[in-house]
Amino acid sequence: MQLLWLLHLQDAAGQTKKAALRIQRLRKIQTLHLKAHQQEQAAILVSGATAANQYEGGWNEGGKGISVSDCARHHLDVDVQDYKAHNSITTKDIEDALKSTDDSLYPKRHASDGYHHYKEDIKMYAEMGFKVYRMSIAWTRIFPNGDDKEPNEEGLKFYDDVFDECLKYGIEPLVTMSHYEPPINLVLNYDGWASREVIDMFVRYVEVICERYKNKVKYWLTFNEVDSMIRHPYTTGGLVEDRFPGRNFQEVIFQAMHHQFVASALATKICHEKIPGSKVGCMLTKLTYYPYTCKPEDVLQAQQDMRSTYCYSDTQVFGEYPAYLLAKFKNEGIHIKMEEGDLDIMKQYPVDFVSFSYYSSSCVAKNADGLKTTAANTMIAIKNPHIPSSDWGWQIDPIGLRISLVDLYDRYRKPLFIVENGLGAKDELVNGTVDDQYRIDYFDAHFREMLNAIEIDGVDLMGYTSWGCIDIVSESTKQMSKRYGFIYVDCDDEGNGTYKRYKKKSFDWYKHVIETNGACLFEGEE
């Protein structure tokens, strides 16, 4: 198969080189990757990504059950940088959501209406030249309540049709098993992933989808941004703090994490057994921290904060809890209940590759008093005065992507896959298109740093999927108006609109990048 390794891009020092030399080097890299992937008969390529809870809609169609995302409302009157206010939720909030018939308050119920538009959308992905499409299966389409005895055939058939549509155009699915949408029934009747019982429910779900799609899907991710449990435990783990009165909620979170680690290892086992040659990856949020100053206290704080993210991927890659996390448990009196065999399962079935999201970097200081802060990926962080910010306050740092790639590859020595990267912006539709040169500039700069990581630093990068290749509901603020895609969806934050699709300026640019295997990125360089 032809490998479109388009996204191999810029110098760290910002120095330009002659276009002919850059193209020659790019083609050499492409040839090496092509040979390697042909030997494995693999076709993990560069394209785009969405998630069912942010893209599909159709929340009460096809036998689908209600998920945590269907009960998460937007707060349009809240500052977009107040992440805590946008994502805090109580049991009462859930009860109100279940009673509400006003879907305009709950944007993931309609999302981009991909449930009805997926054929049109996949055709547009194919027009851009996609060879892989990262997507997720909604757990509640398969097991509406999570604890159902039998799967929902209508939901299974829906994804059969989606995968068939992808394969019709030669697009390889990369599928996330659980992407921010545990069934709400598991929250209300089992306390989410804090319950040991949920492991068995998830394993049954994985067995069903791996058996059903074994001839259609080879590449899988278990839990999206597995580390996000500590930042938004409701979305990831179905945990609501008021349901655990008198308990150390951080201990509850780590208990739920342990259950997900065991479930992920079992999912890897099932996938390997049912789908020969399949590959299973973990997925983490790559929160890249810089010390605000060179003071040793700031450097140490940055290291400690990086560990707070790495502890999750360390566990899934190496199959065991890192010593520093066990020390944290001991020092903070966190007690994790484990069953006999849990640690053996985790050790025996680690992931095959490491995938991650990267949007921005941020700074860390031991003492943040008086320092400016800004929004980052699902958190608030110290603002870096040396780099610009997006409309939502996320700092734009292409070099940080190279740093992230090097850090991860040096740490794990496993193939990497960038499965989320992109710019959320306020797009304006004029005469049927969007002039989003700012998005083109964002991708161009990040692609060039990817080339440096591969070419100069020796990173083994399996592939890249841009986040929100079509406009979807943003996770951080639950807005449609925070747009990421190459394709504009006519829908506002309340769900008003025709849902008609329009190509943005970046659509043709991305298509040209793919057509030329990235050579067009260096046209005109002297």
Protein backbone atom coordinates (compact mmCIF):
# COMPACT_ATOMS: atom_id res chain seq x y z
CA MET A 1 0.00 0.00 0.00
CA GLN A 2 1.13 3.53 -0.67
CA LEU A 3 2.20 5.28 2.51
CA LEU A 4 1.35 8.99 2.49
CA TRP A 5 3.86 10.17 5.05
CA LEU A 6 3.05 13.76 4.40
CA LEU A 7 3.57 15.31 7.75
CA HIS A 8 7.30 15.47 8.19
CA LEU A 9 8.24 19.06 8.64
CA GLN A 10 10.43 22.27 10.02
CA ASP A 11 13.86 23.09 11.56
CA ALA A 12 14.04 23.78 15.30
CA ALA A 13 16.20 26.83 14.66
CA GLY A 14 13.77 28.07 12.05
CA GLN A 15 16.42 27.98 9.34
CA THR A 16 15.25 27.30 5.79
CA LYS A 17 17.02 24.99 3.38
CA LYS A 18 16.81 24.56 -0.32
CA ALA A 19 13.52 23.05 -1.39
CA ALA A 20 15.17 20.34 -3.47
CA LEU A 21 17.20 19.09 -0.54
CA ARG A 22 14.19 19.12 1.79
CA ILE A 23 12.06 17.21 -0.71
CA GLN A 24 14.85 14.70 -1.31
CA ARG A 25 15.20 14.07 2.41
CA LEU A 26 11.44 13.83 2.83
CA ARG A 27 11.19 11.23 0.07
CA LYS A 28 14.00 9.25 1.67
CA ILE A 29 12.07 9.16 4.94
CA GLN A 30 8.90 8.17 3.09
CA THR A 31 10.72 5.31 1.39
CA LEU A 32 12.08 4.01 4.69
CA HIS A 33 8.66 4.14 6.33
CA LEU A 34 7.04 2.53 3.30
CA LYS A 35 9.42 -0.42 3.39
CA ALA A 36 8.93 -0.89 7.12
CA HIS A 37 5.17 -0.78 6.93
CA GLN A 38 5.01 -2.99 3.84
CA GLN A 39 6.92 -5.62 5.79
CA GLU A 40 4.22 -5.46 8.46
CA GLN A 41 1.45 -5.17 5.84
CA ALA A 42 0.28 -2.14 7.80
CA ALA A 43 -1.29 1.06 6.60
CA ILE A 44 -1.40 3.46 9.49
CA LEU A 45 -1.29 6.80 7.73
CA VAL A 46 -1.87 10.48 8.30
CA SER A 47 -5.42 11.84 8.27
CA GLY A 48 -8.03 12.94 10.83
CA ALA A 49 -9.92 12.08 14.01
CA THR A 50 -13.26 12.50 15.76
CA ALA A 51 -15.02 10.91 18.76
CA ALA A 52 -18.54 9.51 18.84
CA ASN A 53 -19.68 11.63 21.78
CA GLN A 54 -18.58 14.86 20.06
CA TYR A 55 -19.50 13.98 16.48
CA GLU A 56 -22.37 11.50 16.18
CA GLY A 57 -25.40 12.97 17.92
CA GLY A 58 -28.42 10.69 17.49
CA TRP A 59 -28.33 10.26 21.26
CA ASN A 60 -31.75 8.58 21.48
CA GLU A 61 -31.80 6.77 18.14
CA GLY A 62 -30.94 3.23 17.10
CA GLY A 63 -31.43 1.81 20.58
CA LYS A 64 -28.61 3.91 22.02
CA GLY A 65 -28.52 4.34 25.79
CA ILE A 66 -27.68 7.54 27.68
CA SER A 67 -24.01 8.25 28.37
CA VAL A 68 -22.26 10.67 30.70
CA SER A 69 -21.69 12.96 27.72
CA ASP A 70 -25.42 13.13 26.97
CA CYS A 71 -25.88 14.64 30.45
CA ALA A 72 -23.10 17.25 30.18
CA ARG A 73 -24.54 20.68 29.43
CA HIS A 74 -22.84 23.79 28.15
CA HIS A 75 -22.44 26.98 30.18
CA LEU A 76 -22.28 29.72 27.58
CA ASP A 77 -22.37 32.46 30.21
CA VAL A 78 -19.13 31.21 31.79
CA ASP A 79 -15.67 32.43 30.75
CA VAL A 80 -14.19 29.94 28.27
CA GLN A 81 -11.05 29.76 30.40
CA ASP A 82 -12.96 28.70 33.54
CA TYR A 83 -12.50 25.01 32.88
CA LYS A 84 -13.65 23.91 36.34
CA ALA A 85 -17.02 25.66 35.96
CA HIS A 86 -17.55 24.12 32.52
CA ASN A 87 -16.89 20.58 33.70
CA SER A 88 -18.07 20.27 37.29
CA ILE A 89 -21.15 18.07 37.70
CA THR A 90 -23.27 16.79 40.57
CA THR A 91 -25.82 14.05 40.95
CA LYS A 92 -28.54 16.69 40.79
CA ASP A 93 -27.13 17.93 37.47
CA ILE A 94 -27.47 14.42 36.10
CA GLU A 95 -31.02 14.07 37.40
CA ASP A 96 -31.94 17.40 35.80
CA ALA A 97 -30.40 16.28 32.51
CA LEU A 98 -32.36 13.04 32.49
CA LYS A 99 -35.57 15.01 32.95
CA SER A 100 -34.75 17.69 30.40
CA THR A 101 -36.27 17.73 26.93
CA ASP A 102 -34.30 20.84 25.95
CA ASP A 103 -31.52 19.31 23.88
CA SER A 104 -30.13 22.78 23.10
CA LEU A 105 -28.58 22.74 26.59
CA TYR A 106 -26.84 19.42 25.95
CA PRO A 107 -24.80 19.84 22.75
CA LYS A 108 -23.47 16.30 22.55
CA ARG A 109 -27.00 15.06 22.03
CA HIS A 110 -26.94 16.58 18.56
CA ALA A 111 -23.17 17.16 18.05
CA SER A 112 -22.38 17.31 14.31
CA ASP A 113 -25.16 14.85 13.49
CA GLY A 114 -22.63 12.40 12.14
CA TYR A 115 -25.14 9.64 12.87
CA HIS A 116 -27.02 10.76 9.78
CA HIS A 117 -24.18 12.34 7.78
CA TYR A 118 -21.32 9.83 8.14
CA LYS A 119 -21.47 8.67 4.50
CA GLU A 120 -21.20 12.22 3.23
CA ASP A 121 -18.41 12.98 5.69
CA ILE A 122 -16.34 9.89 4.92
CA LYS A 123 -16.63 10.69 1.23
CA MET A 124 -15.15 14.13 1.97
CA TYR A 125 -12.36 12.53 4.03
CA ALA A 126 -11.59 10.34 1.05
CA GLU A 127 -11.55 13.40 -1.20
CA MET A 128 -8.88 14.89 1.06
CA GLY A 129 -6.93 11.66 0.69
CA PHE A 130 -7.36 10.16 4.17
CA LYS A 131 -5.95 6.69 4.58
CA VAL A 132 -6.81 6.33 8.27
CA TYR A 133 -9.70 7.67 10.33
CA ARG A 134 -9.52 7.71 14.08
CA MET A 135 -12.99 7.37 15.58
CA SER A 136 -14.63 5.79 18.60
CA ILE A 137 -17.44 3.37 19.26
CA ALA A 138 -20.12 4.65 21.63
CA TRP A 139 -20.32 2.04 24.39
CA THR A 140 -24.01 2.92 24.86
CA ARG A 141 -24.83 2.04 21.25
CA ILE A 142 -23.64 -1.51 21.89
CA PHE A 143 -24.69 -1.98 25.53
CA PRO A 144 -27.18 0.84 26.23
CA ASN A 145 -26.95 0.47 30.01
CA GLY A 146 -23.53 -1.12 30.31
CA ASP A 147 -24.89 -4.09 32.26
CA ASP A 148 -27.22 -5.42 29.53
CA LYS A 149 -27.19 -9.17 28.99
CA GLU A 150 -27.22 -8.87 25.19
CA PRO A 151 -25.75 -6.24 22.84
CA ASN A 152 -27.89 -3.91 20.76
CA GLU A 153 -27.86 -5.29 17.23
CA GLU A 154 -28.93 -1.98 15.71
CA GLY A 155 -25.89 -0.30 17.23
CA LEU A 156 -23.57 -3.05 16.02
CA LYS A 157 -25.02 -2.73 12.52
CA PHE A 158 -24.46 1.03 12.55
CA TYR A 159 -20.72 0.62 13.05
CA ASP A 160 -20.63 -2.19 10.49
CA ASP A 161 -21.94 0.36 8.04
CA VAL A 162 -19.48 3.04 9.14
CA PHE A 163 -16.49 0.71 8.82
CA ASP A 164 -17.71 -0.57 5.46
CA GLU A 165 -17.97 3.00 4.23
CA CYS A 166 -14.41 3.69 5.35
CA LEU A 167 -13.04 0.54 3.76
CA LYS A 168 -14.88 1.31 0.51
CA TYR A 169 -12.56 4.31 0.13
CA GLY A 170 -9.46 2.52 1.40
CA ILE A 171 -9.58 4.27 4.78
CA GLU A 172 -8.26 2.24 7.71
CA PRO A 173 -10.25 2.70 10.97
CA LEU A 174 -8.31 3.40 14.16
CA VAL A 175 -10.90 2.83 16.88
CA THR A 176 -11.03 4.03 20.47
CA MET A 177 -13.00 1.64 22.66
CA SER A 178 -13.92 4.15 25.35
CA HIS A 179 -13.84 7.88 24.61
CA TYR A 180 -15.50 9.94 27.36
CA GLU A 181 -18.88 8.22 27.50
CA PRO A 182 -19.47 5.53 30.12
CA PRO A 183 -23.17 4.60 30.32
CA ILE A 184 -24.99 6.85 32.79
CA ASN A 185 -26.54 3.73 34.35
CA LEU A 186 -23.07 2.75 35.56
CA VAL A 187 -22.72 6.14 37.25
CA LEU A 188 -26.04 5.99 39.07
CA ASN A 189 -26.12 2.31 40.01
CA TYR A 190 -22.47 1.24 40.20
CA ASP A 191 -20.56 4.50 40.95
CA GLY A 192 -18.76 4.25 37.64
CA TRP A 193 -15.26 2.86 37.34
CA ALA A 194 -14.88 2.91 41.11
CA SER A 195 -16.82 -0.36 40.99
CA ARG A 196 -14.93 -3.56 40.31
CA GLU A 197 -17.99 -4.89 38.47
CA VAL A 198 -17.47 -2.42 35.63
CA ILE A 199 -14.32 -4.30 34.54
CA ASP A 200 -16.43 -7.33 33.61
CA MET A 201 -18.97 -5.15 31.81
CA PHE A 202 -16.25 -3.47 29.78
CA VAL A 203 -14.59 -6.80 28.98
CA ARG A 204 -17.90 -8.13 27.65
CA TYR A 205 -18.25 -5.03 25.49
CA VAL A 206 -14.69 -5.45 24.15
CA GLU A 207 -15.28 -9.13 23.38
CA VAL A 208 -18.35 -8.23 21.36
CA ILE A 209 -16.80 -5.44 19.29
CA CYS A 210 -13.55 -7.33 18.65
CA GLU A 211 -15.45 -10.40 17.49
CA ARG A 212 -17.88 -8.36 15.38
CA TYR A 213 -15.30 -6.16 13.68
CA LYS A 214 -12.32 -8.51 13.57
CA ASN A 215 -12.25 -8.36 9.76
CA LYS A 216 -12.65 -4.59 9.61
CA VAL A 217 -10.55 -3.04 12.40
CA LYS A 218 -6.92 -3.86 13.20
CA TYR A 219 -5.85 -0.82 15.17
CA TRP A 220 -7.36 0.00 18.54
CA LEU A 221 -6.97 2.34 21.51
CA THR A 222 -8.41 1.34 24.88
CA PHE A 223 -9.19 4.52 26.89
CA ASN A 224 -8.94 8.02 25.50
CA GLU A 225 -6.57 10.25 27.48
CA VAL A 226 -6.44 7.73 30.29
CA ASP A 227 -4.69 10.29 32.51
CA SER A 228 -7.66 12.65 32.32
CA MET A 229 -9.37 10.77 35.16
CA ILE A 230 -7.53 13.03 37.60
CA ARG A 231 -8.75 16.23 35.86
CA HIS A 232 -12.30 15.34 34.85
CA PRO A 233 -13.25 12.10 36.61
CA TYR A 234 -16.92 12.24 35.59
CA THR A 235 -16.24 12.29 31.86
CA THR A 236 -13.58 9.58 31.95
CA GLY A 237 -14.61 7.39 34.82
CA GLY A 238 -18.22 8.20 35.59
CA LEU A 239 -17.21 9.50 39.02
CA VAL A 240 -19.29 12.15 40.78
CA GLU A 241 -17.74 13.42 44.01
CA ASP A 242 -20.98 13.85 45.94
CA ARG A 243 -21.64 10.12 45.53
CA PHE A 244 -18.66 9.30 47.74
CA PRO A 245 -19.40 11.13 51.02
CA GLY A 246 -16.76 10.83 53.69
CA ARG A 247 -14.25 9.23 51.32
CA ASN A 248 -10.95 10.50 50.01
CA PHE A 249 -12.03 11.35 46.46
CA GLN A 250 -8.47 11.18 45.16
CA GLU A 251 -8.30 7.61 46.43
CA VAL A 252 -11.58 6.90 44.62
CA ILE A 253 -10.06 8.26 41.41
CA PHE A 254 -6.94 6.09 41.66
CA GLN A 255 -9.07 3.06 42.50
CA ALA A 256 -11.05 3.68 39.32
CA MET A 257 -7.75 4.09 37.45
CA HIS A 258 -6.60 0.70 38.71
CA HIS A 259 -9.77 -0.87 37.37
CA GLN A 260 -9.16 0.79 33.99
CA PHE A 261 -5.56 -0.46 33.93
CA VAL A 262 -6.76 -4.04 34.46
CA ALA A 263 -9.54 -3.58 31.90
CA SER A 264 -7.12 -2.14 29.35
CA ALA A 265 -4.75 -5.10 29.75
CA LEU A 266 -7.63 -7.53 29.33
CA ALA A 267 -8.83 -5.61 26.28
CA THR A 268 -5.34 -5.92 24.77
CA LYS A 269 -5.41 -9.66 25.43
CA ILE A 270 -8.84 -10.05 23.83
CA CYS A 271 -7.87 -7.99 20.82
CA HIS A 272 -4.68 -9.95 20.17
CA GLU A 273 -6.50 -13.27 20.50
CA LYS A 274 -9.49 -12.43 18.34
CA ILE A 275 -7.70 -10.33 15.71
CA PRO A 276 -4.31 -11.77 14.69
CA GLY A 277 -1.87 -9.01 13.82
CA SER A 278 -3.89 -6.34 15.58
CA LYS A 279 -2.20 -3.50 17.46
CA VAL A 280 -3.49 -1.92 20.64
CA GLY A 281 -2.29 1.41 21.98
CA CYS A 282 -2.72 3.53 25.06
CA MET A 283 -3.66 7.20 24.74
CA LEU A 284 -2.55 10.03 26.99
CA THR A 285 -2.86 13.78 27.13
CA LYS A 286 0.60 15.12 26.38
CA LEU A 287 0.74 18.01 28.81
CA THR A 288 4.18 19.47 28.15
CA TYR A 289 5.47 21.63 31.01
CA TYR A 290 8.37 24.07 31.01
CA PRO A 291 9.87 25.46 34.23
CA TYR A 292 8.96 29.15 34.36
CA THR A 293 12.52 30.01 35.39
CA CYS A 294 15.78 28.13 35.73
CA LYS A 295 15.44 28.13 39.50
CA PRO A 296 15.93 24.53 40.67
CA GLU A 297 12.59 24.72 42.50
CA ASP A 298 10.77 25.46 39.23
CA VAL A 299 12.65 22.75 37.35
CA LEU A 300 11.78 20.22 40.02
CA GLN A 301 8.13 21.28 39.97
CA ALA A 302 8.00 20.81 36.19
CA GLN A 303 9.47 17.33 36.58
CA GLN A 304 6.96 16.42 39.27
CA ASP A 305 4.06 17.72 37.18
CA MET A 306 5.21 15.72 34.16
CA ARG A 307 5.25 12.61 36.32
CA SER A 308 1.62 13.26 37.25
CA THR A 309 0.78 12.61 33.59
CA TYR A 310 3.40 9.99 32.76
CA CYS A 311 2.37 7.73 35.64
CA TYR A 312 -0.61 6.52 33.60
CA SER A 313 1.22 5.75 30.37
CA ASP A 314 4.18 4.35 32.35
CA THR A 315 1.80 1.82 33.87
CA GLN A 316 0.26 0.82 30.55
CA VAL A 317 3.53 0.64 28.62
CA PHE A 318 5.65 -1.15 31.22
CA GLY A 319 2.80 -3.16 32.68
CA GLU A 320 3.47 -2.14 36.26
CA TYR A 321 3.06 0.78 38.58
CA PRO A 322 6.11 3.07 38.57
CA ALA A 323 7.99 3.36 41.85
CA TYR A 324 7.21 7.08 42.16
CA LEU A 325 3.45 6.42 41.95
CA LEU A 326 3.65 3.69 44.57
CA ALA A 327 5.59 6.16 46.75
CA LYS A 328 2.81 8.69 46.28
CA PHE A 329 0.22 6.16 47.39
CA LYS A 330 2.25 5.34 50.49
CA ASN A 331 3.09 8.93 51.41
CA GLU A 332 -0.47 10.19 50.94
CA GLY A 333 -2.23 7.23 52.53
CA ILE A 334 -3.94 6.14 49.30
CA HIS A 335 -4.98 2.50 49.48
CA ILE A 336 -5.81 0.68 46.25
CA LYS A 337 -7.80 -2.55 46.48
CA MET A 338 -6.43 -5.16 44.11
CA GLU A 339 -7.49 -8.70 43.43
CA GLU A 340 -5.07 -11.57 43.09
CA GLY A 341 -3.76 -11.67 39.55
CA ASP A 342 -4.36 -7.99 38.74
CA LEU A 343 -0.67 -7.10 38.60
CA ASP A 344 0.12 -10.22 36.57
CA ILE A 345 -2.55 -9.30 34.01
CA MET A 346 -1.21 -5.76 33.74
CA LYS A 347 2.34 -7.05 33.29
CA GLN A 348 1.45 -9.71 30.75
CA TYR A 349 -0.56 -7.48 28.39
CA PRO A 350 1.06 -4.05 27.94
CA VAL A 351 0.18 -1.87 24.95
CA ASP A 352 1.85 -2.17 21.56
CA PHE A 353 2.25 1.55 20.88
CA VAL A 354 1.79 4.93 22.51
CA SER A 355 -0.68 7.46 21.16
CA PHE A 356 -1.28 10.93 22.50
CA SER A 357 -2.93 14.30 22.06
CA TYR A 358 -0.88 17.47 21.78
CA TYR A 359 -2.34 20.95 21.54
CA SER A 360 -0.17 23.26 23.60
CA SER A 361 2.47 23.61 26.28
CA SER A 362 2.46 25.56 29.53
CA CYS A 363 4.74 26.73 32.32
CA VAL A 364 5.16 25.59 35.90
CA ALA A 365 6.57 27.37 38.92
CA LYS A 366 6.98 26.37 42.54
CA ASN A 367 5.39 29.68 43.52
CA ALA A 368 2.87 31.00 40.99
CA ASP A 369 1.90 34.10 42.97
CA GLY A 370 1.62 37.13 40.68
CA LEU A 371 2.15 35.13 37.47
CA LYS A 372 -0.34 35.31 34.61
CA THR A 373 -2.34 32.19 33.92
CA THR A 374 -4.21 30.92 30.88
CA ALA A 375 -6.32 27.97 29.80
CA ALA A 376 -4.58 24.85 28.57
CA ASN A 377 -5.82 21.39 27.65
CA THR A 378 -8.44 20.74 30.39
CA MET A 379 -6.54 22.79 32.96
CA ILE A 380 -5.32 26.26 33.92
CA ALA A 381 -1.60 26.89 33.74
CA ILE A 382 1.01 29.64 33.97
CA LYS A 383 1.22 31.62 30.76
CA ASN A 384 4.41 31.42 28.72
CA PRO A 385 5.28 35.01 27.65
CA HIS A 386 7.24 33.78 24.62
CA ILE A 387 4.45 32.10 22.64
CA PRO A 388 1.02 33.20 21.32
CA SER A 389 -2.37 31.92 22.43
CA SER A 390 -5.52 30.78 20.62
CA ASP A 391 -8.96 32.39 20.99
CA TRP A 392 -9.54 30.04 23.92
CA GLY A 393 -6.23 30.82 25.62
CA TRP A 394 -4.39 27.63 24.64
CA GLN A 395 -0.78 28.52 23.85
CA ILE A 396 0.44 27.62 20.37
CA ASP A 397 3.83 25.91 20.57
CA PRO A 398 4.95 23.83 17.54
CA ILE A 399 8.41 23.20 19.00
CA GLY A 400 6.67 21.73 22.03
CA LEU A 401 5.37 18.97 19.77
CA ARG A 402 8.93 18.03 18.84
CA ILE A 403 9.92 18.11 22.50
CA SER A 404 6.96 15.89 23.33
CA LEU A 405 7.81 13.37 20.63
CA VAL A 406 11.41 13.13 21.79
CA ASP A 407 10.46 12.82 25.45
CA LEU A 408 7.94 10.07 24.78
CA TYR A 409 10.14 8.08 22.42
CA ASP A 410 13.18 8.31 24.68
CA ARG A 411 11.03 7.18 27.59
CA TYR A 412 9.18 4.28 25.96
CA ARG A 413 11.10 3.13 22.85
CA LYS A 414 7.78 2.18 21.30
CA PRO A 415 6.16 3.53 18.13
CA LEU A 416 4.28 6.77 18.68
CA PHE A 417 1.03 7.95 17.11
CA ILE A 418 -0.19 11.54 17.31
CA VAL A 419 -3.95 11.01 17.38
CA GLU A 420 -5.03 14.54 18.31
CA ASN A 421 -3.54 17.88 17.30
CA GLY A 422 -5.29 20.96 15.99
CA LEU A 423 -6.46 24.52 16.50
CA GLY A 424 -9.80 25.45 17.99
CA ALA A 425 -10.81 28.82 16.53
CA LYS A 426 -13.73 31.12 15.77
CA ASP A 427 -14.43 30.46 12.10
CA GLU A 428 -16.62 32.70 9.96
CA LEU A 429 -18.54 31.20 7.06
CA VAL A 430 -18.57 33.65 4.12
CA ASN A 431 -19.92 32.75 0.68
CA GLY A 432 -19.85 29.05 1.47
CA THR A 433 -16.29 28.81 2.77
CA VAL A 434 -14.02 29.81 5.64
CA ASP A 435 -10.73 31.63 5.15
CA ASP A 436 -8.84 29.84 7.92
CA GLN A 437 -5.27 30.68 6.99
CA TYR A 438 -4.53 30.71 10.73
CA ARG A 439 -5.30 26.98 10.84
CA ILE A 440 -3.08 26.30 7.83
CA ASP A 441 -0.25 28.20 9.52
CA TYR A 442 -0.78 26.19 12.72
CA PHE A 443 -0.54 22.84 10.95
CA ASP A 444 2.36 23.89 8.76
CA ALA A 445 4.45 24.85 11.77
CA HIS A 446 3.60 21.67 13.68
CA PHE A 447 4.24 19.45 10.67
CA ARG A 448 7.71 20.90 10.26
CA GLU A 449 8.57 20.10 13.86
CA MET A 450 7.37 16.54 13.30
CA LEU A 451 9.92 16.23 10.51
CA ASN A 452 12.66 17.37 12.84
CA ALA A 453 11.62 14.79 15.43
CA ILE A 454 11.75 12.02 12.82
CA GLU A 455 14.72 13.17 10.78
CA ILE A 456 17.00 14.71 13.41
CA ASP A 457 15.90 13.02 16.62
CA GLY A 458 15.20 9.50 15.30
CA VAL A 459 11.63 9.24 16.58
CA ASP A 460 9.55 6.31 15.27
CA LEU A 461 6.22 7.95 14.43
CA MET A 462 3.49 5.59 13.21
CA GLY A 463 1.16 8.31 12.07
CA TYR A 464 -0.86 11.43 12.69
CA THR A 465 -4.56 12.25 12.82
CA SER A 466 -5.61 15.88 13.14
CA TRP A 467 -8.25 16.50 15.78
CA GLY A 468 -11.72 17.35 14.66
CA CYS A 469 -11.13 16.92 10.94
CA ILE A 470 -14.75 18.07 10.74
CA ASP A 471 -16.26 20.56 13.21
CA ILE A 472 -17.42 18.81 16.40
CA VAL A 473 -18.49 19.78 19.91
CA SER A 474 -15.45 20.85 21.91
CA GLU A 475 -14.86 18.77 25.02
CA SER A 476 -13.46 21.55 27.20
CA THR A 477 -16.35 24.02 26.88
CA LYS A 478 -19.04 21.95 25.10
CA GLN A 479 -19.17 24.45 22.22
CA MET A 480 -19.64 24.00 18.50
CA SER A 481 -18.25 27.52 18.02
CA LYS A 482 -14.79 26.29 19.02
CA ARG A 483 -14.10 24.83 15.60
CA TYR A 484 -11.24 22.51 14.64
CA GLY A 485 -12.20 21.03 11.30
CA PHE A 486 -11.26 21.30 7.67
CA ILE A 487 -15.01 20.98 7.11
CA TYR A 488 -17.46 23.53 8.51
CA VAL A 489 -20.73 22.25 10.00
CA ASP A 490 -23.62 24.73 9.98
CA CYS A 491 -24.64 24.36 13.62
CA ASP A 492 -24.34 26.76 16.55
CA ASP A 493 -23.81 26.15 20.26
CA GLU A 494 -27.54 25.55 20.85
CA GLY A 495 -27.85 23.11 17.95
CA ASN A 496 -29.50 25.54 15.55
CA GLY A 497 -28.57 25.23 11.88
CA THR A 498 -28.91 23.17 8.74
CA TYR A 499 -25.95 20.85 9.55
CA LYS A 500 -24.85 21.35 5.98
CA ARG A 501 -21.15 20.74 5.34
CA TYR A 502 -18.82 23.33 3.75
CA LYS A 503 -15.17 23.02 2.78
CA LYS A 504 -12.86 25.49 4.46
CA LYS A 505 -9.75 26.92 2.81
CA SER A 506 -7.71 24.43 4.83
CA PHE A 507 -9.57 21.53 3.15
CA ASP A 508 -7.85 22.02 -0.20
CA TRP A 509 -4.55 22.85 1.48
CA TYR A 510 -4.59 19.59 3.48
CA LYS A 511 -5.61 17.69 0.37
CA HIS A 512 -2.63 19.14 -1.49
CA VAL A 513 -0.28 18.22 1.35
CA ILE A 514 -1.47 14.63 1.10
CA GLU A 515 -1.34 14.58 -2.71
CA THR A 516 2.28 15.74 -2.72
CA ASN A 517 3.35 13.61 0.26
CA GLY A 518 4.22 16.85 2.02
CA ALA A 519 6.56 18.17 -0.66
CA CYS A 520 4.33 21.22 -1.16
CA LEU A 521 5.29 22.40 2.33
CA PHE A 522 8.72 23.31 1.02
CA GLU A 523 7.78 24.83 -2.31
CA GLY A 524 9.39 28.21 -2.85
CA GLU A 525 12.14 27.73 -0.29
CA GLU A 526 15.54 28.86 -1.48
